[in-house]
């Protein structure tokens, strides 16, 4: 996958252009999950905590697509992009704070919260 250094480590969204590297841009945020780089990423296991919150909140796509155009299949495909994140290229302080980061996730957990949040609307 091209631009693997530009994939959000929280939700897997390739939200950055090919010339934009996450840690060269001050306070860039993900257009899908709204994670803010260089601000939220030095929190202890912040990537995983934020991903869990994003999933529990129903995987809302914040920026480009209205909720009705965003499907569970799209969300799961996007989460699969996490395997391409080049975590080893992140600054040392980010790697230390997020030492438990993994690209793996439980699709059943994702589907459960997807459906739970949409039933409550």
PDB file of N, CA and C in Angstrom:
ATOM      1  N   UNK A   1       0.847  -1.179   0.000  1.00  0.00           N
ATOM      2  CA  UNK A   1       0.000   0.000   0.000  1.00  0.00           C
ATOM      3  C   UNK A   1       0.888   1.236   0.000  1.00  0.00           C
ATOM      4  N   UNK A   2       0.598   2.192  -0.840  1.00  0.00           N
ATOM      5  CA  UNK A   2       1.333   3.448  -0.869  1.00  0.00           C
ATOM      6  C   UNK A   2       0.976   4.280   0.351  1.00  0.00           C
ATOM      7  N   UNK A   3       1.846   5.193   0.705  1.00  0.00           N
ATOM      8  CA  UNK A   3       1.587   6.170   1.767  1.00  0.00           C
ATOM      9  C   UNK A   3       1.307   5.517   3.118  1.00  0.00           C
ATOM     10  N   UNK A   4       1.969   4.409   3.416  1.00  0.00           N
ATOM     11  CA  UNK A   4       1.686   3.705   4.662  1.00  0.00           C
ATOM     12  C   UNK A   4       2.092   4.511   5.887  1.00  0.00           C
ATOM     13  N   UNK A   5       2.914   5.524   5.707  1.00  0.00           N
ATOM     14  CA  UNK A   5       3.268   6.383   6.822  1.00  0.00           C
ATOM     15  C   UNK A   5       2.211   7.467   7.040  1.00  0.00           C
ATOM     16  N   UNK A   6       1.178   7.456   6.222  1.00  0.00           N
ATOM     17  CA  UNK A   6       0.133   8.472   6.299  1.00  0.00           C
ATOM     18  C   UNK A   6      -1.208   7.893   6.721  1.00  0.00           C
ATOM     19  N   UNK A   7      -1.192   6.708   7.279  1.00  0.00           N
ATOM     20  CA  UNK A   7      -2.412   6.048   7.733  1.00  0.00           C
ATOM     21  C   UNK A   7      -2.596   6.322   9.222  1.00  0.00           C
ATOM     22  N   UNK A   8      -3.800   6.688   9.597  1.00  0.00           N
ATOM     23  CA  UNK A   8      -4.090   6.951  11.006  1.00  0.00           C
ATOM     24  C   UNK A   8      -3.905   5.664  11.809  1.00  0.00           C
ATOM     25  N   UNK A   9      -3.079   5.683  12.861  1.00  0.00           N
ATOM     26  CA  UNK A   9      -2.854   4.487  13.676  1.00  0.00           C
ATOM     27  C   UNK A   9      -4.012   4.162  14.612  1.00  0.00           C
ATOM     28  N   UNK A  10      -5.015   5.019  14.623  1.00  0.00           N
ATOM     29  CA  UNK A  10      -6.192   4.787  15.457  1.00  0.00           C
ATOM     30  C   UNK A  10      -7.278   4.057  14.669  1.00  0.00           C
ATOM     31  N   UNK A  11      -7.637   4.611  13.493  1.00  0.00           N
ATOM     32  CA  UNK A  11      -8.779   4.064  12.748  1.00  0.00           C
ATOM     33  C   UNK A  11      -8.422   3.484  11.384  1.00  0.00           C
ATOM     34  N   UNK A  12      -7.194   3.688  10.911  1.00  0.00           N
ATOM     35  CA  UNK A  12      -6.784   3.121   9.629  1.00  0.00           C
ATOM     36  C   UNK A  12      -7.096   3.976   8.428  1.00  0.00           C
ATOM     37  N   UNK A  13      -7.642   5.161   8.638  1.00  0.00           N
ATOM     38  CA  UNK A  13      -7.991   6.029   7.509  1.00  0.00           C
ATOM     39  C   UNK A  13      -6.734   6.629   6.895  1.00  0.00           C
ATOM     40  N   UNK A  14      -6.624   6.525   5.587  1.00  0.00           N
ATOM     41  CA  UNK A  14      -5.501   7.143   4.872  1.00  0.00           C
ATOM     42  C   UNK A  14      -5.887   8.594   4.602  1.00  0.00           C
ATOM     43  N   UNK A  15      -5.801   9.393   5.646  1.00  0.00           N
ATOM     44  CA  UNK A  15      -6.369  10.747   5.609  1.00  0.00           C
ATOM     45  C   UNK A  15      -5.397  11.822   5.166  1.00  0.00           C
ATOM     46  N   UNK A  16      -4.219  11.427   4.774  1.00  0.00           N
ATOM     47  CA  UNK A  16      -3.219  12.423   4.457  1.00  0.00           C
ATOM     48  C   UNK A  16      -2.725  12.231   3.034  1.00  0.00           C
ATOM     49  N   UNK A  17      -2.382  13.321   2.367  1.00  0.00           N
ATOM     50  CA  UNK A  17      -1.865  13.246   1.017  1.00  0.00           C
ATOM     51  C   UNK A  17      -0.510  12.579   0.975  1.00  0.00           C
ATOM     52  N   UNK A  18      -0.073  12.222  -0.222  1.00  0.00           N
ATOM     53  CA  UNK A  18       1.168  11.461  -0.344  1.00  0.00           C
ATOM     54  C   UNK A  18       2.387  12.232   0.131  1.00  0.00           C
ATOM     55  N   UNK A  19       2.313  13.542   0.170  1.00  0.00           N
ATOM     56  CA  UNK A  19       3.448  14.337   0.619  1.00  0.00           C
ATOM     57  C   UNK A  19       3.339  14.766   2.072  1.00  0.00           C
ATOM     58  N   UNK A  20       2.276  14.360   2.730  1.00  0.00           N
ATOM     59  CA  UNK A  20       2.069  14.746   4.116  1.00  0.00           C
ATOM     60  C   UNK A  20       2.405  13.580   5.033  1.00  0.00           C
ATOM     61  N   UNK A  21       3.421  13.735   5.806  1.00  0.00           N
ATOM     62  CA  UNK A  21       3.779  12.716   6.788  1.00  0.00           C
ATOM     63  C   UNK A  21       3.303  13.213   8.140  1.00  0.00           C
ATOM     64  N   UNK A  22       2.603  12.367   8.839  1.00  0.00           N
ATOM     65  CA  UNK A  22       1.912  12.746  10.062  1.00  0.00           C
ATOM     66  C   UNK A  22       2.777  13.577  11.009  1.00  0.00           C
ATOM     67  N   UNK A  23       3.980  13.151  11.297  1.00  0.00           N
ATOM     68  CA  UNK A  23       4.756  13.812  12.338  1.00  0.00           C
ATOM     69  C   UNK A  23       5.594  14.968  11.834  1.00  0.00           C
ATOM     70  N   UNK A  24       5.388  15.391  10.618  1.00  0.00           N
ATOM     71  CA  UNK A  24       6.034  16.605  10.133  1.00  0.00           C
ATOM     72  C   UNK A  24       5.052  17.762  10.124  1.00  0.00           C
ATOM     73  N   UNK A  25       3.803  17.484  10.475  1.00  0.00           N
ATOM     74  CA  UNK A  25       2.768  18.507  10.448  1.00  0.00           C
ATOM     75  C   UNK A  25       2.259  18.704  11.874  1.00  0.00           C
ATOM     76  N   UNK A  26       2.305  19.919  12.335  1.00  0.00           N
ATOM     77  CA  UNK A  26       1.921  20.226  13.698  1.00  0.00           C
ATOM     78  C   UNK A  26       0.412  20.156  13.879  1.00  0.00           C
ATOM     79  N   UNK A  27      -0.033  19.347  14.799  1.00  0.00           N
ATOM     80  CA  UNK A  27      -1.435  19.240  15.199  1.00  0.00           C
ATOM     81  C   UNK A  27      -2.383  18.869  14.065  1.00  0.00           C
ATOM     82  N   UNK A  28      -1.980  17.977  13.177  1.00  0.00           N
ATOM     83  CA  UNK A  28      -2.886  17.473  12.148  1.00  0.00           C
ATOM     84  C   UNK A  28      -3.856  16.504  12.806  1.00  0.00           C
ATOM     85  N   UNK A  29      -5.087  16.458  12.298  1.00  0.00           N
ATOM     86  CA  UNK A  29      -6.054  15.512  12.852  1.00  0.00           C
ATOM     87  C   UNK A  29      -6.576  14.597  11.761  1.00  0.00           C
ATOM     88  N   UNK A  30      -7.036  13.438  12.183  1.00  0.00           N
ATOM     89  CA  UNK A  30      -7.614  12.468  11.265  1.00  0.00           C
ATOM     90  C   UNK A  30      -9.026  12.919  10.913  1.00  0.00           C
ATOM     91  N   UNK A  31      -9.342  12.926   9.643  1.00  0.00           N
ATOM     92  CA  UNK A  31     -10.668  13.357   9.190  1.00  0.00           C
ATOM     93  C   UNK A  31     -11.753  12.323   9.446  1.00  0.00           C
ATOM     94  N   UNK A  32     -11.357  11.146   9.864  1.00  0.00           N
ATOM     95  CA  UNK A  32     -12.358  10.127  10.171  1.00  0.00           C
ATOM     96  C   UNK A  32     -12.647  10.082  11.675  1.00  0.00           C
ATOM     97  N   UNK A  33     -11.644   9.757  12.475  1.00  0.00           N
ATOM     98  CA  UNK A  33     -11.873   9.567  13.916  1.00  0.00           C
ATOM     99  C   UNK A  33     -11.567  10.814  14.747  1.00  0.00           C
ATOM    100  N   UNK A  34     -11.003  11.838  14.121  1.00  0.00           N
ATOM    101  CA  UNK A  34     -10.663  13.122  14.765  1.00  0.00           C
ATOM    102  C   UNK A  34      -9.501  13.042  15.739  1.00  0.00           C
ATOM    103  N   UNK A  35      -8.726  11.962  15.701  1.00  0.00           N
ATOM    104  CA  UNK A  35      -7.532  11.895  16.545  1.00  0.00           C
ATOM    105  C   UNK A  35      -6.588  13.021  16.136  1.00  0.00           C
ATOM    106  N   UNK A  36      -6.029  13.722  17.116  1.00  0.00           N
ATOM    107  CA  UNK A  36      -5.150  14.851  16.829  1.00  0.00           C
ATOM    108  C   UNK A  36      -3.699  14.482  17.109  1.00  0.00           C
ATOM    109  N   UNK A  37      -2.918  14.442  16.035  1.00  0.00           N
ATOM    110  CA  UNK A  37      -1.515  14.086  16.132  1.00  0.00           C
ATOM    111  C   UNK A  37      -0.720  15.235  16.740  1.00  0.00           C
ATOM    112  N   UNK A  38       0.367  14.877  17.416  1.00  0.00           N
ATOM    113  CA  UNK A  38       1.235  15.823  18.116  1.00  0.00           C
ATOM    114  C   UNK A  38       0.528  16.505  19.274  1.00  0.00           C
ATOM    115  N   UNK A  39      -0.646  16.017  19.645  1.00  0.00           N
ATOM    116  CA  UNK A  39      -1.347  16.540  20.805  1.00  0.00           C
ATOM    117  C   UNK A  39      -1.832  15.388  21.683  1.00  0.00           C
ATOM    118  N   UNK A  40      -2.505  14.403  21.073  1.00  0.00           N
ATOM    119  CA  UNK A  40      -3.088  13.285  21.813  1.00  0.00           C
ATOM    120  C   UNK A  40      -2.206  12.040  21.826  1.00  0.00           C
ATOM    121  N   UNK A  41      -1.107  12.034  21.087  1.00  0.00           N
ATOM    122  CA  UNK A  41      -0.373  10.787  20.874  1.00  0.00           C
ATOM    123  C   UNK A  41       0.675  10.461  21.926  1.00  0.00           C
ATOM    124  N   UNK A  42       0.924  11.341  22.862  1.00  0.00           N
ATOM    125  CA  UNK A  42       1.887  11.010  23.909  1.00  0.00           C
ATOM    126  C   UNK A  42       1.195  10.561  25.196  1.00  0.00           C
ATOM    127  N   UNK A  43      -0.122  10.404  25.136  1.00  0.00           N
ATOM    128  CA  UNK A  43      -0.895   9.858  26.249  1.00  0.00           C
ATOM    129  C   UNK A  43      -0.603   8.359  26.328  1.00  0.00           C
ATOM    130  N   UNK A  44      -0.490   7.831  27.515  1.00  0.00           N
ATOM    131  CA  UNK A  44      -0.193   6.404  27.693  1.00  0.00           C
ATOM    132  C   UNK A  44      -1.173   5.546  26.888  1.00  0.00           C
ATOM    133  N   UNK A  45      -0.658   4.807  25.926  1.00  0.00           N
ATOM    134  CA  UNK A  45      -1.440   3.941  25.039  1.00  0.00           C
ATOM    135  C   UNK A  45      -2.602   4.687  24.369  1.00  0.00           C
ATOM    136  N   UNK A  46      -2.352   5.939  24.039  1.00  0.00           N
ATOM    137  CA  UNK A  46      -3.383   6.810  23.464  1.00  0.00           C
ATOM    138  C   UNK A  46      -4.007   6.286  22.195  1.00  0.00           C
ATOM    139  N   UNK A  47      -3.223   5.673  21.320  1.00  0.00           N
ATOM    140  CA  UNK A  47      -3.779   5.156  20.070  1.00  0.00           C
ATOM    141  C   UNK A  47      -4.835   4.088  20.352  1.00  0.00           C
ATOM    142  N   UNK A  48      -4.513   3.170  21.249  1.00  0.00           N
ATOM    143  CA  UNK A  48      -5.435   2.072  21.549  1.00  0.00           C
ATOM    144  C   UNK A  48      -6.654   2.570  22.342  1.00  0.00           C
ATOM    145  N   UNK A  49      -6.427   3.463  23.286  1.00  0.00           N
ATOM    146  CA  UNK A  49      -7.524   4.020  24.075  1.00  0.00           C
ATOM    147  C   UNK A  49      -8.484   4.783  23.170  1.00  0.00           C
ATOM    148  N   UNK A  50      -7.925   5.595  22.277  1.00  0.00           N
ATOM    149  CA  UNK A  50      -8.753   6.387  21.380  1.00  0.00           C
ATOM    150  C   UNK A  50      -9.499   5.487  20.392  1.00  0.00           C
ATOM    151  N   UNK A  51      -8.827   4.426  19.898  1.00  0.00           N
ATOM    152  CA  UNK A  51      -9.502   3.494  18.976  1.00  0.00           C
ATOM    153  C   UNK A  51     -10.679   2.829  19.673  1.00  0.00           C
ATOM    154  N   UNK A  52     -10.456   2.369  20.904  1.00  0.00           N
ATOM    155  CA  UNK A  52     -11.534   1.715  21.651  1.00  0.00           C
ATOM    156  C   UNK A  52     -12.710   2.665  21.846  1.00  0.00           C
ATOM    157  N   UNK A  53     -12.435   3.915  22.172  1.00  0.00           N
ATOM    158  CA  UNK A  53     -13.492   4.911  22.345  1.00  0.00           C
ATOM    159  C   UNK A  53     -14.219   5.159  21.028  1.00  0.00           C
ATOM    160  N   UNK A  54     -13.458   5.290  19.932  1.00  0.00           N
ATOM    161  CA  UNK A  54     -14.062   5.529  18.620  1.00  0.00           C
ATOM    162  C   UNK A  54     -14.999   4.377  18.242  1.00  0.00           C
ATOM    163  N   UNK A  55     -14.569   3.154  18.503  1.00  0.00           N
ATOM    164  CA  UNK A  55     -15.402   1.987  18.201  1.00  0.00           C
ATOM    165  C   UNK A  55     -16.641   1.977  19.099  1.00  0.00           C
ATOM    166  N   UNK A  56     -16.455   2.187  20.407  1.00  0.00           N
ATOM    167  CA  UNK A  56     -17.596   2.182  21.329  1.00  0.00           C
ATOM    168  C   UNK A  56     -18.591   3.296  21.025  1.00  0.00           C
ATOM    169  N   UNK A  57     -18.112   4.383  20.442  1.00  0.00           N
ATOM    170  CA  UNK A  57     -18.996   5.491  20.062  1.00  0.00           C
ATOM    171  C   UNK A  57     -19.700   5.229  18.733  1.00  0.00           C
ATOM    172  N   UNK A  58     -19.436   4.084  18.096  1.00  0.00           N
ATOM    173  CA  UNK A  58     -20.147   3.705  16.890  1.00  0.00           C
ATOM    174  C   UNK A  58     -19.412   3.954  15.594  1.00  0.00           C
ATOM    175  N   UNK A  59     -18.078   4.166  15.642  1.00  0.00           N
ATOM    176  CA  UNK A  59     -17.255   4.358  14.453  1.00  0.00           C
ATOM    177  C   UNK A  59     -17.782   5.494  13.569  1.00  0.00           C
ATOM    178  N   UNK A  60     -18.038   6.608  14.165  1.00  0.00           N
ATOM    179  CA  UNK A  60     -18.569   7.750  13.422  1.00  0.00           C
ATOM    180  C   UNK A  60     -17.482   8.326  12.521  1.00  0.00           C
ATOM    181  N   UNK A  61     -17.813   8.507  11.262  1.00  0.00           N
ATOM    182  CA  UNK A  61     -16.899   9.137  10.306  1.00  0.00           C
ATOM    183  C   UNK A  61     -17.171  10.622  10.395  1.00  0.00           C
ATOM    184  N   UNK A  62     -16.243  11.362  10.978  1.00  0.00           N
ATOM    185  CA  UNK A  62     -16.496  12.749  11.340  1.00  0.00           C
ATOM    186  C   UNK A  62     -16.505  13.755  10.206  1.00  0.00           C
ATOM    187  N   UNK A  63     -15.771  13.525   9.140  1.00  0.00           N
ATOM    188  CA  UNK A  63     -15.502  14.642   8.264  1.00  0.00           C
ATOM    189  C   UNK A  63     -16.148  14.571   6.882  1.00  0.00           C
ATOM    190  N   UNK A  64     -15.838  13.555   6.117  1.00  0.00           N
ATOM    191  CA  UNK A  64     -16.190  13.583   4.705  1.00  0.00           C
ATOM    192  C   UNK A  64     -17.554  12.995   4.368  1.00  0.00           C
ATOM    193  N   UNK A  65     -17.955  11.953   5.041  1.00  0.00           N
ATOM    194  CA  UNK A  65     -19.176  11.270   4.658  1.00  0.00           C
ATOM    195  C   UNK A  65     -20.238  11.402   5.730  1.00  0.00           C
ATOM    196  N   UNK A  66     -21.451  11.729   5.329  1.00  0.00           N
ATOM    197  CA  UNK A  66     -22.539  11.665   6.314  1.00  0.00           C
ATOM    198  C   UNK A  66     -22.694  10.221   6.780  1.00  0.00           C
ATOM    199  N   UNK A  67     -23.218  10.049   7.960  1.00  0.00           N
ATOM    200  CA  UNK A  67     -23.319   8.719   8.562  1.00  0.00           C
ATOM    201  C   UNK A  67     -24.037   7.713   7.662  1.00  0.00           C
ATOM    202  N   UNK A  68     -25.036   8.134   6.896  1.00  0.00           N
ATOM    203  CA  UNK A  68     -25.790   7.175   6.086  1.00  0.00           C
ATOM    204  C   UNK A  68     -24.963   6.591   4.936  1.00  0.00           C
ATOM    205  N   UNK A  69     -23.863   7.209   4.561  1.00  0.00           N
ATOM    206  CA  UNK A  69     -23.013   6.687   3.484  1.00  0.00           C
ATOM    207  C   UNK A  69     -21.855   5.840   4.012  1.00  0.00           C
ATOM    208  N   UNK A  70     -21.720   5.729   5.273  1.00  0.00           N
ATOM    209  CA  UNK A  70     -20.609   5.034   5.914  1.00  0.00           C
ATOM    210  C   UNK A  70     -21.129   3.692   6.388  1.00  0.00           C
ATOM    211  N   UNK A  71     -20.574   2.603   5.881  1.00  0.00           N
ATOM    212  CA  UNK A  71     -21.087   1.272   6.205  1.00  0.00           C
ATOM    213  C   UNK A  71     -20.123   0.510   7.114  1.00  0.00           C
ATOM    214  N   UNK A  72     -20.646  -0.534   7.722  1.00  0.00           N
ATOM    215  CA  UNK A  72     -19.819  -1.406   8.554  1.00  0.00           C
ATOM    216  C   UNK A  72     -18.720  -2.038   7.707  1.00  0.00           C
ATOM    217  N   UNK A  73     -19.039  -2.460   6.502  1.00  0.00           N
ATOM    218  CA  UNK A  73     -18.024  -3.053   5.620  1.00  0.00           C
ATOM    219  C   UNK A  73     -16.898  -2.062   5.328  1.00  0.00           C
ATOM    220  N   UNK A  74     -17.241  -0.806   5.091  1.00  0.00           N
ATOM    221  CA  UNK A  74     -16.216   0.220   4.856  1.00  0.00           C
ATOM    222  C   UNK A  74     -15.361   0.408   6.106  1.00  0.00           C
ATOM    223  N   UNK A  75     -16.000   0.431   7.263  1.00  0.00           N
ATOM    224  CA  UNK A  75     -15.259   0.613   8.512  1.00  0.00           C
ATOM    225  C   UNK A  75     -14.280  -0.540   8.741  1.00  0.00           C
ATOM    226  N   UNK A  76     -14.724  -1.766   8.502  1.00  0.00           N
ATOM    227  CA  UNK A  76     -13.850  -2.926   8.685  1.00  0.00           C
ATOM    228  C   UNK A  76     -12.701  -2.922   7.674  1.00  0.00           C
ATOM    229  N   UNK A  77     -12.985  -2.558   6.432  1.00  0.00           N
ATOM    230  CA  UNK A  77     -11.917  -2.450   5.433  1.00  0.00           C
ATOM    231  C   UNK A  77     -10.901  -1.394   5.837  1.00  0.00           C
ATOM    232  N   UNK A  78     -11.393  -0.295   6.345  1.00  0.00           N
ATOM    233  CA  UNK A  78     -10.491   0.773   6.780  1.00  0.00           C
ATOM    234  C   UNK A  78      -9.636   0.319   7.951  1.00  0.00           C
ATOM    235  N   UNK A  79     -10.226  -0.370   8.907  1.00  0.00           N
ATOM    236  CA  UNK A  79      -9.454  -0.880  10.039  1.00  0.00           C
ATOM    237  C   UNK A  79      -8.365  -1.848   9.585  1.00  0.00           C
ATOM    238  N   UNK A  80      -8.603  -2.551   8.495  1.00  0.00           N
ATOM    239  CA  UNK A  80      -7.576  -3.448   7.957  1.00  0.00           C
ATOM    240  C   UNK A  80      -6.337  -2.688   7.493  1.00  0.00           C
ATOM    241  N   UNK A  81      -6.483  -1.402   7.169  1.00  0.00           N
ATOM    242  CA  UNK A  81      -5.325  -0.580   6.790  1.00  0.00           C
ATOM    243  C   UNK A  81      -4.318  -0.445   7.926  1.00  0.00           C
ATOM    244  N   UNK A  82      -4.751  -0.697   9.150  1.00  0.00           N
ATOM    245  CA  UNK A  82      -3.852  -0.551  10.296  1.00  0.00           C
ATOM    246  C   UNK A  82      -2.606  -1.429  10.164  1.00  0.00           C
ATOM    247  N   UNK A  83      -2.732  -2.540   9.463  1.00  0.00           N
ATOM    248  CA  UNK A  83      -1.575  -3.426   9.303  1.00  0.00           C
ATOM    249  C   UNK A  83      -0.456  -2.782   8.489  1.00  0.00           C
ATOM    250  N   UNK A  84      -0.763  -1.701   7.773  1.00  0.00           N
ATOM    251  CA  UNK A  84       0.246  -1.031   6.951  1.00  0.00           C
ATOM    252  C   UNK A  84       0.898   0.176   7.636  1.00  0.00           C
ATOM    253  N   UNK A  85       0.444   0.509   8.830  1.00  0.00           N
ATOM    254  CA  UNK A  85       1.034   1.636   9.563  1.00  0.00           C
ATOM    255  C   UNK A  85       2.496   1.332   9.857  1.00  0.00           C
ATOM    256  N   UNK A  86       3.363   2.259   9.547  1.00  0.00           N
ATOM    257  CA  UNK A  86       4.800   2.092   9.806  1.00  0.00           C
ATOM    258  C   UNK A  86       5.126   2.665  11.188  1.00  0.00           C
ATOM    259  N   UNK A  87       4.687   1.943  12.192  1.00  0.00           N
ATOM    260  CA  UNK A  87       4.828   2.407  13.573  1.00  0.00           C
ATOM    261  C   UNK A  87       6.287   2.644  13.958  1.00  0.00           C
ATOM    262  N   UNK A  88       7.193   1.861  13.414  1.00  0.00           N
ATOM    263  CA  UNK A  88       8.614   1.999  13.759  1.00  0.00           C
ATOM    264  C   UNK A  88       9.209   3.324  13.280  1.00  0.00           C
ATOM    265  N   UNK A  89       8.533   4.045  12.409  1.00  0.00           N
ATOM    266  CA  UNK A  89       9.053   5.335  11.928  1.00  0.00           C
ATOM    267  C   UNK A  89       8.563   6.512  12.778  1.00  0.00           C
ATOM    268  N   UNK A  90       7.701   6.261  13.748  1.00  0.00           N
ATOM    269  CA  UNK A  90       7.177   7.338  14.578  1.00  0.00           C
ATOM    270  C   UNK A  90       8.259   7.825  15.536  1.00  0.00           C
ATOM    271  N   UNK A  91       8.131   9.052  16.012  1.00  0.00           N
ATOM    272  CA  UNK A  91       9.100   9.570  16.991  1.00  0.00           C
ATOM    273  C   UNK A  91       9.167   8.676  18.236  1.00  0.00           C
ATOM    274  N   UNK A  92      10.313   8.668  18.864  1.00  0.00           N
ATOM    275  CA  UNK A  92      10.555   7.804  20.021  1.00  0.00           C
ATOM    276  C   UNK A  92       9.525   8.016  21.135  1.00  0.00           C
ATOM    277  N   UNK A  93       9.177   9.264  21.427  1.00  0.00           N
ATOM    278  CA  UNK A  93       8.233   9.521  22.514  1.00  0.00           C
ATOM    279  C   UNK A  93       6.853   8.928  22.206  1.00  0.00           C
ATOM    280  N   UNK A  94       6.472   8.881  20.928  1.00  0.00           N
ATOM    281  CA  UNK A  94       5.186   8.299  20.541  1.00  0.00           C
ATOM    282  C   UNK A  94       5.236   6.782  20.685  1.00  0.00           C
ATOM    283  N   UNK A  95       6.318   6.182  20.235  1.00  0.00           N
ATOM    284  CA  UNK A  95       6.456   4.727  20.348  1.00  0.00           C
ATOM    285  C   UNK A  95       6.479   4.299  21.811  1.00  0.00           C
ATOM    286  N   UNK A  96       7.153   5.072  22.660  1.00  0.00           N
ATOM    287  CA  UNK A  96       7.207   4.728  24.081  1.00  0.00           C
ATOM    288  C   UNK A  96       5.840   4.845  24.737  1.00  0.00           C
ATOM    289  N   UNK A  97       5.110   5.900  24.428  1.00  0.00           N
ATOM    290  CA  UNK A  97       3.786   6.101  25.019  1.00  0.00           C
ATOM    291  C   UNK A  97       2.779   5.062  24.525  1.00  0.00           C
ATOM    292  N   UNK A  98       2.976   4.584  23.300  1.00  0.00           N
ATOM    293  CA  UNK A  98       2.033   3.659  22.675  1.00  0.00           C
ATOM    294  C   UNK A  98       2.634   2.272  22.494  1.00  0.00           C
ATOM    295  N   UNK A  99       3.409   1.843  23.457  1.00  0.00           N
ATOM    296  CA  UNK A  99       4.154   0.585  23.324  1.00  0.00           C
ATOM    297  C   UNK A  99       3.249  -0.637  23.176  1.00  0.00           C
ATOM    298  N   UNK A 100       1.993  -0.553  23.558  1.00  0.00           N
ATOM    299  CA  UNK A 100       1.063  -1.680  23.410  1.00  0.00           C
ATOM    300  C   UNK A 100       0.259  -1.604  22.108  1.00  0.00           C
ATOM    301  N   UNK A 101       0.614  -0.670  21.232  1.00  0.00           N
ATOM    302  CA  UNK A 101      -0.130  -0.510  19.980  1.00  0.00           C
ATOM    303  C   UNK A 101      -0.076  -1.781  19.146  1.00  0.00           C
ATOM    304  N   UNK A 102      -1.188  -2.112  18.539  1.00  0.00           N
ATOM    305  CA  UNK A 102      -1.264  -3.209  17.585  1.00  0.00           C
ATOM    306  C   UNK A 102      -2.262  -2.838  16.512  1.00  0.00           C
ATOM    307  N   UNK A 103      -2.072  -3.381  15.346  1.00  0.00           N
ATOM    308  CA  UNK A 103      -3.031  -3.122  14.270  1.00  0.00           C
ATOM    309  C   UNK A 103      -4.239  -4.047  14.391  1.00  0.00           C
ATOM    310  N   UNK A 104      -4.150  -5.067  15.208  1.00  0.00           N
ATOM    311  CA  UNK A 104      -5.223  -6.054  15.310  1.00  0.00           C
ATOM    312  C   UNK A 104      -6.436  -5.499  16.052  1.00  0.00           C
ATOM    313  N   UNK A 105      -7.583  -6.000  15.695  1.00  0.00           N
ATOM    314  CA  UNK A 105      -8.846  -5.601  16.323  1.00  0.00           C
ATOM    315  C   UNK A 105      -9.804  -6.783  16.194  1.00  0.00           C
ATOM    316  N   UNK A 106     -10.888  -6.754  16.941  1.00  0.00           N
ATOM    317  CA  UNK A 106     -11.880  -7.821  16.918  1.00  0.00           C
ATOM    318  C   UNK A 106     -13.074  -7.379  16.071  1.00  0.00           C
ATOM    319  N   UNK A 107     -13.276  -7.959  14.892  1.00  0.00           N
ATOM    320  CA  UNK A 107     -14.379  -7.543  14.034  1.00  0.00           C
ATOM    321  C   UNK A 107     -15.755  -7.718  14.683  1.00  0.00           C
ATOM    322  N   UNK A 108     -15.916  -8.714  15.551  1.00  0.00           N
ATOM    323  CA  UNK A 108     -17.200  -8.903  16.226  1.00  0.00           C
ATOM    324  C   UNK A 108     -17.469  -7.770  17.212  1.00  0.00           C
ATOM    325  N   UNK A 109     -16.444  -7.321  17.892  1.00  0.00           N
ATOM    326  CA  UNK A 109     -16.541  -6.181  18.811  1.00  0.00           C
ATOM    327  C   UNK A 109     -16.937  -4.931  18.028  1.00  0.00           C
ATOM    328  N   UNK A 110     -16.308  -4.730  16.879  1.00  0.00           N
ATOM    329  CA  UNK A 110     -16.613  -3.584  16.021  1.00  0.00           C
ATOM    330  C   UNK A 110     -18.067  -3.656  15.551  1.00  0.00           C
ATOM    331  N   UNK A 111     -18.490  -4.814  15.062  1.00  0.00           N
ATOM    332  CA  UNK A 111     -19.853  -4.973  14.553  1.00  0.00           C
ATOM    333  C   UNK A 111     -20.884  -4.760  15.664  1.00  0.00           C
ATOM    334  N   UNK A 112     -20.591  -5.259  16.855  1.00  0.00           N
ATOM    335  CA  UNK A 112     -21.514  -5.080  17.980  1.00  0.00           C
ATOM    336  C   UNK A 112     -21.777  -3.597  18.245  1.00  0.00           C
ATOM    337  N   UNK A 113     -20.721  -2.818  18.383  1.00  0.00           N
ATOM    338  CA  UNK A 113     -20.901  -1.393  18.674  1.00  0.00           C
ATOM    339  C   UNK A 113     -21.461  -0.632  17.490  1.00  0.00           C
ATOM    340  N   UNK A 114     -21.143  -1.074  16.277  1.00  0.00           N
ATOM    341  CA  UNK A 114     -21.727  -0.451  15.084  1.00  0.00           C
ATOM    342  C   UNK A 114     -23.254  -0.550  15.157  1.00  0.00           C
ATOM    343  N   UNK A 115     -23.746  -1.753  15.404  1.00  0.00           N
ATOM    344  CA  UNK A 115     -25.192  -1.985  15.429  1.00  0.00           C
ATOM    345  C   UNK A 115     -25.853  -1.371  16.661  1.00  0.00           C
ATOM    346  N   UNK A 116     -25.199  -1.428  17.799  1.00  0.00           N
ATOM    347  CA  UNK A 116     -25.760  -0.854  19.024  1.00  0.00           C
ATOM    348  C   UNK A 116     -25.987   0.649  18.874  1.00  0.00           C
ATOM    349  N   UNK A 117     -25.030   1.356  18.330  1.00  0.00           N
ATOM    350  CA  UNK A 117     -25.155   2.809  18.197  1.00  0.00           C
ATOM    351  C   UNK A 117     -26.209   3.188  17.175  1.00  0.00           C
ATOM    352  N   UNK A 118     -26.369   2.406  16.130  1.00  0.00           N
ATOM    353  CA  UNK A 118     -27.355   2.744  15.106  1.00  0.00           C
ATOM    354  C   UNK A 118     -28.778   2.403  15.544  1.00  0.00           C
ATOM    355  N   UNK A 119     -28.944   1.455  16.457  1.00  0.00           N
ATOM    356  CA  UNK A 119     -30.271   1.144  16.989  1.00  0.00           C
ATOM    357  C   UNK A 119     -30.767   2.247  17.910  1.00  0.00           C
ATOM    358  N   UNK A 120     -29.832   2.991  18.498  1.00  0.00           N
ATOM    359  CA  UNK A 120     -30.234   4.019  19.464  1.00  0.00           C
ATOM    360  C   UNK A 120     -30.626   5.342  18.794  1.00  0.00           C
ATOM    361  N   UNK A 121     -30.428   5.429  17.460  1.00  0.00           N
ATOM    362  CA  UNK A 121     -30.776   6.682  16.760  1.00  0.00           C
ATOM    363  C   UNK A 121     -32.242   6.755  16.456  1.00  0.00           C
TER     364      UNK A 121
END
